[in-house]
Protein backbone atom coordinates (compact mmCIF):
# COMPACT_ATOMS: atom_id res chain seq x y z
CA MET A 1 -42.01 25.59 -7.32
CA ASN A 2 -45.44 25.43 -8.90
CA PRO A 3 -45.34 21.97 -10.54
CA GLY A 4 -46.75 23.23 -13.82
CA LEU A 5 -44.19 25.99 -14.21
CA ASN A 6 -40.44 26.05 -14.71
CA ARG A 7 -38.24 28.92 -15.85
CA ARG A 8 -38.57 28.07 -19.54
CA GLY A 9 -42.30 27.60 -19.25
CA PHE A 10 -42.76 30.83 -17.37
CA LEU A 11 -40.81 32.89 -19.88
CA ALA A 12 -42.80 31.35 -22.70
CA SER A 13 -46.01 32.16 -20.89
CA ALA A 14 -44.88 35.71 -20.13
CA ALA A 15 -43.88 36.30 -23.73
CA GLY A 16 -47.24 35.00 -24.84
CA VAL A 17 -49.05 37.37 -22.55
CA ALA A 18 -46.94 40.27 -23.78
CA ALA A 19 -47.65 39.45 -27.40
CA GLY A 20 -51.27 38.41 -26.91
CA LEU A 21 -50.47 34.89 -28.11
CA THR A 22 -51.28 31.38 -26.93
CA LEU A 23 -48.11 29.33 -26.90
CA ALA A 24 -47.89 25.60 -27.23
CA GLY A 25 -46.34 23.68 -24.40
CA CYS A 26 -47.84 25.86 -21.63
CA GLY A 27 -51.22 24.20 -21.39
CA ASP A 28 -50.45 22.47 -18.11
CA TYR A 29 -49.60 25.73 -16.35
CA LYS A 30 -51.96 26.68 -13.52
CA PRO A 31 -51.45 29.93 -11.60
CA ALA A 32 -50.90 29.66 -7.89
CA THR A 33 -54.04 29.97 -5.78
CA ALA A 34 -54.42 32.94 -3.43
CA GLY A 35 -53.77 30.54 -0.55
CA ASP A 36 -50.52 29.18 -2.01
CA ALA A 37 -49.30 32.64 -3.01
CA ASN A 38 -49.87 33.94 0.52
CA ALA A 39 -48.41 31.03 2.45
CA LYS A 40 -46.67 32.36 5.54
CA ALA A 41 -42.93 32.39 6.13
CA GLN A 42 -40.64 33.11 9.05
CA LEU A 43 -39.62 36.77 8.99
CA PRO A 44 -36.10 37.99 9.72
CA THR A 45 -35.22 38.65 13.33
CA TYR A 46 -35.38 42.38 14.05
CA ILE A 47 -32.08 43.59 15.50
CA PRO A 48 -32.17 47.40 15.86
CA TYR A 49 -28.98 49.34 15.25
CA LYS A 50 -27.89 51.24 18.37
CA GLY A 51 -24.62 52.72 17.20
CA VAL A 52 -25.67 56.39 17.40
CA PRO A 53 -27.27 57.49 20.71
CA THR A 54 -30.09 60.03 20.56
CA SER A 55 -32.66 61.55 22.89
CA MET A 56 -35.27 60.78 20.19
CA PRO A 57 -34.89 57.01 19.70
CA ALA A 58 -36.76 54.70 17.34
CA THR A 59 -39.62 52.80 18.93
CA ALA A 60 -41.01 49.33 18.33
CA ASP A 61 -44.35 50.74 17.13
CA GLY A 62 -42.79 52.62 14.22
CA VAL A 63 -41.47 56.00 15.37
CA ALA A 64 -38.33 56.94 13.43
CA PRO A 65 -35.28 58.14 15.38
CA GLY A 66 -34.51 61.84 15.35
CA TYR A 67 -31.09 63.52 15.19
CA PRO A 68 -30.48 67.27 15.33
CA HIS A 69 -26.88 66.80 14.09
CA TYR A 70 -24.71 64.27 12.30
CA PRO A 71 -22.00 62.66 14.43
CA ALA A 72 -18.71 64.48 14.10
CA ASP A 73 -16.95 61.13 13.81
CA PRO A 74 -19.21 58.86 11.74
CA VAL A 75 -19.16 55.16 12.53
CA LYS A 76 -17.33 53.06 9.93
CA ALA A 77 -20.01 50.90 8.40
CA PHE A 78 -17.48 48.25 7.34
CA PRO A 79 -14.28 48.53 9.36
CA ASP A 80 -12.91 45.35 7.76
CA GLY A 81 -13.10 46.79 4.26
CA PRO A 82 -15.48 46.55 1.29
CA PRO A 83 -18.08 43.83 2.02
CA ALA A 84 -19.14 42.73 -1.47
CA LYS A 85 -15.99 42.23 -3.55
CA GLY A 86 -16.71 40.46 -6.79
CA PRO A 87 -18.36 40.91 -10.18
CA ALA A 88 -20.48 43.92 -11.00
CA ILE A 89 -24.13 43.89 -9.94
CA ASP A 90 -26.80 45.10 -12.39
CA ILE A 91 -29.77 46.75 -10.67
CA MET A 92 -32.85 47.77 -12.64
CA THR A 93 -34.77 50.51 -10.86
CA LEU A 94 -36.66 53.75 -11.32
CA ILE A 95 -36.30 57.42 -10.54
CA PHE A 96 -38.55 60.43 -9.82
CA ASN A 97 -35.78 63.04 -9.92
CA PRO A 98 -33.52 64.06 -12.80
CA VAL A 99 -31.14 61.27 -13.79
CA PRO A 100 -27.76 61.63 -12.00
CA PRO A 101 -24.48 62.12 -13.87
CA PRO A 102 -23.07 58.82 -15.22
CA VAL A 103 -20.58 56.97 -13.08
CA ASP A 104 -17.54 58.37 -14.94
CA ASP A 105 -18.69 61.90 -13.99
CA ASN A 106 -20.13 61.07 -10.58
CA VAL A 107 -17.69 61.20 -7.66
CA MET A 108 -20.28 59.87 -5.22
CA TRP A 109 -21.12 56.85 -7.41
CA GLN A 110 -17.43 56.03 -7.86
CA ALA A 111 -16.86 56.25 -4.10
CA LEU A 112 -19.92 54.08 -3.45
CA ASN A 113 -18.63 51.34 -5.77
CA LYS A 114 -15.27 51.47 -4.03
CA SER A 115 -16.82 51.26 -0.57
CA VAL A 116 -19.09 48.35 -1.50
CA GLY A 117 -16.36 46.42 -3.33
CA CYS A 118 -17.91 46.06 -6.78
CA ASP A 119 -19.50 48.12 -9.53
CA LEU A 120 -23.18 48.80 -8.94
CA ASN A 121 -24.62 49.28 -12.41
CA PHE A 122 -27.91 51.10 -11.94
CA GLN A 123 -30.22 50.76 -14.94
CA ILE A 124 -32.50 53.76 -14.40
CA THR A 125 -35.98 54.22 -15.87
CA PRO A 126 -38.36 57.18 -15.29
CA VAL A 127 -41.09 56.18 -12.85
CA GLY A 128 -43.93 56.53 -15.35
CA ASP A 129 -42.28 54.10 -17.78
CA TYR A 130 -41.24 51.52 -15.21
CA PRO A 131 -44.23 49.12 -15.17
CA ASN A 132 -43.92 48.58 -18.93
CA LYS A 133 -40.14 48.25 -18.65
CA PHE A 134 -40.60 45.62 -15.95
CA ALA A 135 -43.10 43.60 -17.99
CA VAL A 136 -40.97 43.71 -21.15
CA THR A 137 -37.83 42.69 -19.23
CA ILE A 138 -39.60 39.74 -17.60
CA ALA A 139 -41.03 38.59 -20.92
CA GLY A 140 -37.66 38.92 -22.66
CA GLY A 141 -35.89 36.76 -20.08
CA ASP A 142 -32.62 38.74 -20.02
CA LEU A 143 -32.84 39.70 -16.36
CA PRO A 144 -30.58 41.98 -14.34
CA ASP A 145 -29.17 40.66 -11.08
CA ALA A 146 -31.76 42.60 -9.09
CA MET A 147 -34.77 44.66 -10.00
CA LEU A 148 -37.32 46.87 -8.32
CA MET A 149 -40.80 45.34 -8.07
CA LEU A 150 -43.74 47.69 -7.56
CA PRO A 151 -46.70 46.49 -5.49
CA PRO A 152 -49.08 44.21 -7.44
CA ASP A 153 -51.81 46.84 -7.85
CA GLN A 154 -49.28 48.97 -9.76
CA ASN A 155 -47.62 46.13 -11.65
CA SER A 156 -49.76 43.19 -12.73
CA ALA A 157 -46.72 41.41 -14.20
CA ALA A 158 -45.37 40.90 -10.65
CA THR A 159 -47.06 37.57 -9.94
CA PRO A 160 -46.17 34.92 -7.35
CA ASP A 161 -45.53 32.47 -10.21
CA MET A 162 -43.02 34.87 -11.74
CA LEU A 163 -41.18 35.05 -8.43
CA ASP A 164 -41.24 31.28 -8.05
CA ALA A 165 -39.84 30.66 -11.53
CA LEU A 166 -37.26 33.40 -11.91
CA PHE A 167 -36.25 34.87 -8.56
CA GLU A 168 -34.59 33.73 -5.36
CA ASN A 169 -36.42 32.59 -2.28
CA LEU A 170 -34.18 34.38 0.23
CA SER A 171 -35.43 32.61 3.36
CA GLU A 172 -32.29 30.48 3.53
CA HIS A 173 -30.28 33.68 3.88
CA LEU A 174 -32.62 35.97 5.81
CA ALA A 175 -35.27 34.11 7.82
CA GLY A 176 -34.97 34.28 11.59
CA ASP A 177 -31.43 34.62 12.87
CA ASN A 178 -29.96 33.93 9.42
CA ILE A 179 -30.16 37.67 8.83
CA ARG A 180 -27.45 38.28 11.43
CA ASP A 181 -24.95 37.98 8.56
CA TYR A 182 -26.49 41.20 7.22
CA PRO A 183 -26.82 43.45 10.31
CA TYR A 184 -28.05 46.55 8.49
CA LEU A 185 -30.83 44.61 6.78
CA ALA A 186 -31.64 43.21 10.24
CA ASN A 187 -32.15 46.82 11.38
CA ILE A 188 -35.27 47.01 9.17
CA PRO A 189 -38.35 46.32 11.38
CA SER A 190 -40.58 43.30 10.79
CA ALA A 191 -43.51 45.34 9.41
CA HIS A 192 -41.44 46.15 6.32
CA TRP A 193 -40.60 42.48 5.69
CA ALA A 194 -44.19 41.19 5.78
CA PRO A 195 -45.02 42.41 2.22
CA CYS A 196 -41.84 40.66 1.00
CA VAL A 197 -43.36 37.23 1.71
CA ARG A 198 -44.83 35.21 -1.16
CA ASN A 199 -45.21 31.49 -1.80
CA GLY A 200 -44.14 30.66 1.76
CA GLY A 201 -40.77 32.40 1.45
CA ILE A 202 -39.00 35.77 1.58
CA TYR A 203 -38.74 36.81 -2.05
CA ALA A 204 -37.67 40.43 -1.77
CA LEU A 205 -35.85 43.11 0.19
CA PRO A 206 -37.77 46.09 1.61
CA MET A 207 -37.52 49.71 0.56
CA PRO A 208 -38.80 50.93 3.95
CA ARG A 209 -40.97 53.97 4.42
CA PRO A 210 -42.28 55.49 7.69
CA LEU A 211 -45.24 53.66 9.21
CA SER A 212 -46.49 56.96 10.63
CA GLY A 213 -47.56 58.16 7.20
CA GLY A 214 -47.58 61.90 6.67
CA PRO A 215 -49.52 64.66 8.41
CA THR A 216 -51.72 67.41 7.14
CA PHE A 217 -49.11 70.14 6.87
CA THR A 218 -50.11 73.65 7.88
CA ARG A 219 -48.64 77.04 7.09
CA LEU A 220 -48.31 78.09 10.71
CA ASP A 221 -46.97 81.49 9.71
CA LEU A 222 -50.14 82.30 7.76
CA ILE A 223 -52.54 80.87 10.35
CA ARG A 224 -50.90 82.79 13.18
CA LYS A 225 -51.01 86.05 11.24
CA ARG A 226 -54.77 85.71 11.37
CA GLY A 227 -54.72 84.90 15.08
CA LEU A 228 -56.30 81.47 14.56
CA ASP A 229 -55.91 78.18 16.41
CA PRO A 230 -54.15 75.70 14.07
CA ASN A 231 -55.47 72.63 15.94
CA PRO A 232 -59.23 72.12 15.55
CA THR A 233 -60.82 69.66 17.97
CA SER A 234 -63.75 68.52 15.79
CA TRP A 235 -64.75 68.45 12.13
CA ARG A 236 -66.96 71.48 12.68
CA GLU A 237 -64.00 73.44 14.03
CA PHE A 238 -61.90 72.27 11.07
CA VAL A 239 -64.52 73.57 8.63
CA GLN A 240 -64.57 76.91 10.43
CA LEU A 241 -60.77 77.11 10.26
CA CYS A 242 -60.97 76.46 6.51
CA LYS A 243 -63.41 79.33 6.14
CA ASP A 244 -61.35 81.65 8.33
CA VAL A 245 -58.11 81.19 6.36
CA THR A 246 -59.79 81.53 2.95
CA ASP A 247 -59.55 84.95 1.26
CA PRO A 248 -60.31 84.72 -2.47
CA LYS A 249 -59.35 88.36 -3.04
CA ALA A 250 -55.84 87.58 -1.80
CA ASN A 251 -55.82 84.21 -3.63
CA HIS A 252 -55.63 82.33 -0.31
CA TYR A 253 -57.56 79.09 0.17
CA ALA A 254 -57.64 76.36 2.78
CA LEU A 255 -57.06 73.28 0.60
CA GLY A 256 -56.00 72.38 -2.93
CA ASP A 257 -56.59 68.64 -3.39
CA SER A 258 -59.98 66.94 -3.13
CA VAL A 259 -58.72 63.36 -2.74
CA THR A 260 -56.48 64.11 0.24
CA ALA A 261 -59.29 66.22 1.70
CA TRP A 262 -61.54 63.16 1.45
CA GLU A 263 -58.87 61.07 3.15
CA PHE A 264 -58.62 63.63 5.96
CA ALA A 265 -62.39 63.40 6.47
CA MET A 266 -62.13 59.60 6.55
CA LYS A 267 -59.47 59.87 9.24
CA SER A 268 -61.71 62.17 11.24
CA LEU A 269 -64.46 59.53 10.97
CA LYS A 270 -61.98 56.72 11.80
CA GLY A 271 -62.85 55.08 8.51
CA PRO A 272 -60.82 52.15 7.17
CA PHE A 273 -57.65 52.56 5.14
CA LYS A 274 -58.28 50.61 1.92
CA TRP A 275 -59.18 47.20 3.43
CA ARG A 276 -60.57 46.66 6.92
CA GLU A 277 -60.34 43.16 8.42
CA GLU A 278 -62.67 42.04 11.21
CA GLY A 279 -62.63 38.37 12.18
CA GLY A 280 -61.20 37.40 8.80
CA ARG A 281 -63.89 39.29 6.86
CA PHE A 282 -62.72 42.12 4.57
CA THR A 283 -64.44 45.44 3.78
CA TRP A 284 -63.13 47.97 1.28
CA HIS A 285 -63.13 51.56 2.43
CA PHE A 286 -65.25 52.77 -0.51
CA GLU A 287 -68.07 50.44 0.60
CA THR A 288 -68.48 52.04 4.01
CA GLU A 289 -70.90 54.66 5.28
CA GLU A 290 -67.87 56.68 6.33
CA ALA A 291 -66.86 56.94 2.66
CA LYS A 292 -70.21 58.51 1.72
CA GLN A 293 -70.10 60.83 4.70
CA ALA A 294 -66.59 61.95 3.73
CA LEU A 295 -67.74 62.58 0.14
CA ASP A 296 -70.54 64.77 1.40
CA ALA A 297 -68.14 66.58 3.74
CA VAL A 298 -65.75 67.52 0.92
CA ARG A 299 -68.70 68.44 -1.29
CA SER A 300 -69.69 70.92 1.43
CA LEU A 301 -66.13 72.30 1.61
CA THR A 302 -66.18 72.84 -2.15
CA LYS A 303 -69.54 74.59 -1.97
CA ALA A 304 -68.20 76.81 0.82
CA GLY A 305 -65.45 78.07 -1.50
CA VAL A 306 -62.51 76.97 0.66
CA MET A 307 -60.93 74.79 -2.05
CA HIS A 308 -58.51 76.36 -4.54
CA PRO A 309 -60.54 77.17 -7.68
CA ASP A 310 -58.29 74.96 -9.83
CA THR A 311 -58.55 71.95 -7.50
CA TYR A 312 -60.62 69.88 -9.93
CA SER A 313 -59.10 71.06 -13.21
CA VAL A 314 -55.34 71.19 -12.57
CA LEU A 315 -53.31 68.20 -11.38
CA GLY A 316 -50.00 68.12 -9.55
CA LYS A 317 -50.04 71.66 -8.17
CA ALA A 318 -51.10 71.07 -4.55
CA LYS A 319 -47.55 71.08 -3.22
CA GLU A 320 -46.66 74.28 -5.07
CA TRP A 321 -49.86 76.03 -3.97
CA PHE A 322 -49.09 75.16 -0.35
CA GLY A 323 -45.42 76.15 -0.56
CA THR A 324 -46.25 79.53 -2.08
CA GLY A 325 -49.04 80.24 0.40
CA ARG A 326 -52.00 79.98 -1.95
CA THR A 327 -53.30 77.15 0.23
CA VAL A 328 -52.80 76.90 3.96
CA MET A 329 -53.18 73.14 4.56
CA ASN A 330 -51.94 70.19 2.54
CA PRO A 331 -51.85 66.48 3.48
CA ASP A 332 -48.57 65.02 2.20
CA GLY A 333 -45.94 62.37 2.83
CA PRO A 334 -43.46 62.62 5.73
CA VAL A 335 -40.43 63.43 3.55
CA ALA A 336 -42.25 66.53 2.28
CA TRP A 337 -41.52 68.26 5.59
CA ASN A 338 -37.88 68.81 4.67
CA ASP A 339 -38.73 69.41 1.02
CA TYR A 340 -41.02 72.34 1.82
CA TYR A 341 -38.26 74.12 3.72
CA THR A 342 -35.72 73.37 0.98
CA LEU A 343 -37.94 74.57 -1.86
CA TYR A 344 -39.93 77.37 -0.25
CA GLY A 345 -38.31 78.28 3.08
CA THR A 346 -36.61 81.37 1.67
CA THR A 347 -39.60 82.57 -0.35
CA ALA A 348 -41.61 84.01 2.56
CA GLU A 349 -40.66 85.90 5.70
CA ASP A 350 -41.21 83.79 8.83
CA PHE A 351 -42.04 80.71 6.72
CA GLU A 352 -43.03 77.98 9.18
CA ILE A 353 -44.54 74.52 8.72
CA GLY A 354 -46.70 72.84 11.34
CA TYR A 355 -48.75 69.67 11.36
CA MET A 356 -52.37 68.84 12.04
CA MET A 357 -53.81 65.52 13.16
CA ALA A 358 -57.36 64.73 12.05
CA PRO A 359 -59.71 65.60 14.91
CA GLY A 360 -62.50 63.24 15.87
CA TRP A 361 -65.65 64.05 13.90
CA ASP A 362 -67.57 65.09 16.99
CA GLY A 363 -64.52 65.75 19.16
CA GLY A 364 -61.67 63.79 20.68
CA THR A 365 -59.05 62.13 18.51
CA GLY A 366 -59.44 60.98 14.96
CA SER A 367 -57.15 58.45 13.31
CA GLN A 368 -54.06 58.26 11.14
CA TRP A 369 -53.74 55.92 8.17
CA GLN A 370 -50.63 53.78 8.46
CA GLY A 371 -48.01 54.56 5.88
CA GLN A 372 -47.26 51.96 3.22
CA ALA A 373 -44.48 49.81 4.68
CA ASN A 374 -42.39 49.92 1.49
CA TYR A 375 -42.44 52.06 -1.61
CA ALA A 376 -41.54 48.89 -3.54
CA THR A 377 -39.31 45.85 -3.02
CA LEU A 378 -36.14 44.45 -4.61
CA ILE A 379 -36.09 40.97 -6.11
CA ILE A 380 -32.93 38.99 -6.93
CA LYS A 381 -32.80 36.61 -9.89
CA LYS A 382 -31.92 32.99 -9.35
CA ALA A 383 -28.16 32.51 -9.07
CA PRO A 384 -25.58 30.33 -7.32
CA LYS A 385 -25.53 30.72 -3.55
CA ALA A 386 -22.21 32.59 -3.49
CA ARG A 387 -23.51 35.14 -5.99
CA VAL A 388 -26.72 35.69 -4.03
CA GLU A 389 -24.67 36.24 -0.88
CA GLN A 390 -22.49 38.82 -2.64
CA ILE A 391 -25.59 40.72 -3.78
CA LEU A 392 -27.05 40.59 -0.27
CA ARG A 393 -23.80 41.95 1.18
CA ALA A 394 -23.97 44.82 -1.31
CA MET A 395 -27.59 45.54 -0.39
CA ASN A 396 -26.68 45.37 3.28
CA ALA A 397 -24.19 48.15 2.55
CA LEU A 398 -26.94 50.24 0.93
CA ALA A 399 -28.93 49.86 4.16
CA SER A 400 -26.16 51.19 6.44
CA PRO A 401 -27.98 53.51 8.87
CA PHE A 402 -27.77 57.11 9.98
CA GLY A 403 -24.52 57.93 11.75
CA THR A 404 -22.35 55.68 9.58
CA ASP A 405 -19.97 56.78 6.88
CA GLY A 406 -21.96 54.66 4.43
CA TYR A 407 -25.18 56.59 5.05
CA LEU A 408 -23.30 59.89 4.83
CA LEU A 409 -21.87 58.92 1.45
CA ARG A 410 -25.21 57.77 -0.03
CA LYS A 411 -27.16 60.80 1.12
CA TYR A 412 -24.55 63.60 0.90
CA GLY A 413 -21.79 62.41 -1.39
CA VAL A 414 -18.07 63.02 -0.91
CA GLN A 415 -16.96 65.90 1.28
CA GLY A 416 -15.71 68.73 -0.91
CA PRO A 417 -17.41 68.16 -4.26
CA GLY A 418 -20.58 66.71 -2.73
CA HIS A 419 -21.02 68.58 0.51
CA THR A 420 -19.48 71.07 2.87
CA LEU A 421 -19.70 70.94 6.64
CA ARG A 422 -21.60 73.29 8.92
CA GLY A 423 -20.24 72.12 12.24
CA SER A 424 -20.60 68.36 11.87
CA ASP A 425 -23.59 68.59 9.51
CA PRO A 426 -23.25 68.01 5.75
CA ILE A 427 -24.75 70.64 3.45
CA LEU A 428 -25.13 69.51 -0.15
CA THR A 429 -23.43 71.44 -2.93
CA PRO A 430 -25.18 71.74 -6.32
CA GLU A 431 -22.85 69.02 -7.63
CA GLY A 432 -23.65 66.83 -4.64
CA GLN A 433 -27.40 67.33 -5.11
CA ALA A 434 -27.12 66.06 -8.68
CA GLU A 435 -24.92 63.11 -7.75
CA VAL A 436 -27.02 61.81 -4.85
CA ASN A 437 -29.99 61.50 -7.20
CA LEU A 438 -28.49 58.06 -7.84
CA PRO A 439 -31.53 56.00 -6.80
CA THR A 440 -29.96 53.79 -4.14
CA ILE A 441 -33.18 54.21 -2.13
CA PHE A 442 -34.93 52.28 -4.89
CA ALA A 443 -32.75 49.25 -4.28
CA THR A 444 -33.04 49.20 -0.50
CA ASP A 445 -32.38 51.65 2.31
CA ALA A 446 -32.04 52.11 6.04
CA PRO A 447 -35.21 52.92 7.98
CA MET A 448 -36.00 56.64 7.90
CA ALA A 449 -34.09 58.95 10.23
CA LEU A 450 -35.52 62.35 11.10
CA TYR A 451 -32.77 64.78 10.20
CA TYR A 452 -32.55 68.12 8.42
CA PRO A 453 -29.14 69.80 8.71
CA SER A 454 -30.32 73.07 7.16
CA LYS A 455 -32.87 73.59 9.96
CA PRO A 456 -32.21 71.11 12.80
CA GLU A 457 -34.81 72.63 15.11
CA ILE A 458 -37.67 71.09 13.11
CA VAL A 459 -36.61 67.54 14.00
CA ALA A 460 -38.28 67.71 17.43
CA ASP A 461 -41.61 68.57 15.77
CA GLN A 462 -41.22 65.72 13.28
CA TYR A 463 -40.54 63.30 16.14
CA ALA A 464 -43.55 64.62 18.09
CA PHE A 465 -45.78 64.06 15.05
CA GLN A 466 -44.64 60.47 14.64
CA LYS A 467 -45.14 59.70 18.35
CA GLU A 468 -48.68 61.08 18.12
CA ALA A 469 -49.42 59.37 14.80
CA VAL A 470 -48.44 55.82 15.74
CA ARG A 471 -50.94 55.87 18.61
CA GLN A 472 -53.77 56.34 16.10
CA LEU A 473 -52.71 54.13 13.19
CA ILE A 474 -55.23 52.26 11.06
CA PRO A 475 -53.42 49.75 8.79
CA ASN A 476 -54.43 48.45 5.39
CA ALA A 477 -55.12 44.81 6.24
CA ALA A 478 -54.46 43.71 2.65
CA GLU A 479 -51.01 45.29 2.29
CA PRO A 480 -48.93 42.14 2.94
CA LEU A 481 -51.33 39.91 0.96
CA TYR A 482 -51.73 39.08 -2.73
CA SER A 483 -54.97 39.02 -4.73
CA PRO A 484 -54.55 38.15 -8.41
CA THR A 485 -57.82 39.87 -9.31
CA ASP A 486 -56.83 43.03 -7.46
CA ALA A 487 -53.50 43.05 -9.29
CA LYS A 488 -55.25 42.79 -12.67
CA MET A 489 -58.33 44.92 -12.17
CA SER A 490 -57.90 47.46 -9.39
CA LYS A 491 -56.23 50.23 -11.41
CA LEU A 492 -58.89 50.14 -14.14
CA LEU A 493 -61.79 50.08 -11.69
CA GLN A 494 -60.21 52.72 -9.46
CA THR A 495 -60.13 55.15 -12.38
CA ALA A 496 -63.88 54.86 -12.90
CA LEU A 497 -64.59 55.23 -9.19
CA ASP A 498 -62.30 58.23 -8.90
CA ASP A 499 -64.21 59.97 -11.69
CA THR A 500 -67.44 59.50 -9.76
CA ARG A 501 -65.82 60.43 -6.45
CA LYS A 502 -64.42 63.71 -7.80
CA GLY A 503 -67.68 64.50 -9.56
CA ILE A 504 -69.57 64.14 -6.27
CA MET A 505 -67.06 66.25 -4.34
CA GLN A 506 -67.15 68.94 -7.01
CA GLY A 507 -70.95 68.98 -6.99
CA ARG A 508 -71.40 67.77 -10.58
CA VAL A 509 -72.64 64.28 -9.67
CA PRO A 510 -75.40 63.44 -7.14
CA LEU A 511 -74.22 61.70 -3.98
CA GLY A 512 -76.73 58.92 -4.66
CA GLU A 513 -74.71 57.73 -7.67
CA TRP A 514 -71.99 56.51 -5.34
CA ASP A 515 -74.04 53.44 -4.33
CA ASP A 516 -74.41 52.40 -7.97
CA ALA A 517 -70.68 52.90 -8.59
CA VAL A 518 -69.80 50.67 -5.64
CA LYS A 519 -72.33 48.03 -6.75
CA ASN A 520 -70.68 47.97 -10.16
CA TRP A 521 -67.24 47.60 -8.54
CA ARG A 522 -68.50 44.64 -6.50
CA LYS A 523 -70.01 43.01 -9.58
CA GLU A 524 -67.00 43.56 -11.86
CA ALA A 525 -64.30 42.41 -9.43
CA GLY A 526 -64.75 43.65 -5.87
CA ASP A 527 -66.45 40.61 -4.39
CA GLN A 528 -63.87 38.33 -6.03
CA ILE A 529 -61.03 40.47 -4.65
CA ARG A 530 -62.63 40.26 -1.22
CA ARG A 531 -62.82 36.45 -1.38
CA GLU A 532 -59.18 36.24 -2.41
CA TYR A 533 -58.02 38.48 0.42
CA GLU A 534 -60.09 36.52 2.93
CA GLU A 535 -58.55 33.26 1.69
CA ALA A 536 -55.10 34.86 1.82
CA TRP A 537 -55.68 36.17 5.35
CA GLU A 538 -56.82 32.76 6.55
CA THR A 539 -53.72 31.15 5.04
CA ARG A 540 -51.39 33.73 6.54
CA ASN A 541 -53.01 33.59 9.99
CA SER A 542 -53.80 29.88 10.39
């Protein structure tokens, strides 16, 4: 532990920060350096689960397994009975969806508690309120047993010193072969554990997300009606496709979001994803020539009239515009593939989703930005060893993979009230849909499985996309690292840069102003962030 900081001292310091006060007795506290915070640790041994055979298996480079159907006889996740018998476990987490029915009215939640062996008390906060909830909870000191921790750039209260003072270093339980006691956590690949390392230890559990990232989705049905090729082989061909699918009189446009259009151009240029590392030196993607070229490219798309007219004035509508056919292409996350069919599949005759990889700018292949390894992570407060082991056994249950009865319960509820069967595939009932909103995925989860029982034929396309994507991945070199300045300043500075970026793409701001905006970012914090990441990288890779 940081010698200037114990639990009492940290809570006093945190309360002081929250209240804007300077507290006596904390003067000897010194935050951990970037090097100390990023000290390396042994990761858990990766032991892939092989209980459900498939012709579309997971791969070591990040392709998720695909399954057209659920096994008719699901594997018992815990044949010896509930794995985590003991006191209730309080889990503070967040939710995007409507809050599920309370446990007394939720058959799935009741069955989950019974299968795990203890009551899982989810304390659920809407996603927009969660960073403040996290900070207030830390400052107050009355901690739940486990709590979701957003990445540092979304949650400046999540510091390495906080982890050191208040939360468990789980290396004793999970490092190397120690994780064999928790086989479903061991099924989570190493890339998802790397961001869980702080202070030379494993301080969190992953909430894994696909490394492939998401594609640019296409409305194949609409493109084919026009007799067009949905797979351009250069940026010029992509621009022509955008023009060919745009018909303002019919309210049809190519794209509806300027930021994801910029990202698509960056991928075509093989530009960096956030931070590029070369020989230990870090470069932020906004600093690059590719960033300016991508800005100019989207500016040209806007001028050509292929962007939805409300692109720059209305937020949060890109998914709806794409689903209803007002736009024909939309970059989105991998889980959106199923969502589009669920929400919009019955709204149009011959509705069909395809995917597009970014073509190379002048031909050939472009690139794909690697998906964020975890949405967030789960931290466990300091407790006696037996209590920590009980919590880990419960979280191991929440990571039981596709093909097990545990996965079936978490995702589809109890047969009858929660789902019916179509062959061996579960189909959610309205009651089941409400109940499975219980945010178990925001505690931990199994790695993604490609599966959509309502339309199993799309799984082969999803698998093909991931196989193609992982061959072109560009990672964010800073993702597993910690920069205190980035945690404090990035959100504020990003807002100012985004205003300039959108102004340039819309045509309101001259392209030349981008250089001044980047210079200001470097002066205000960027160069300091760079130094911290370079120190962190050297520590992690020495």
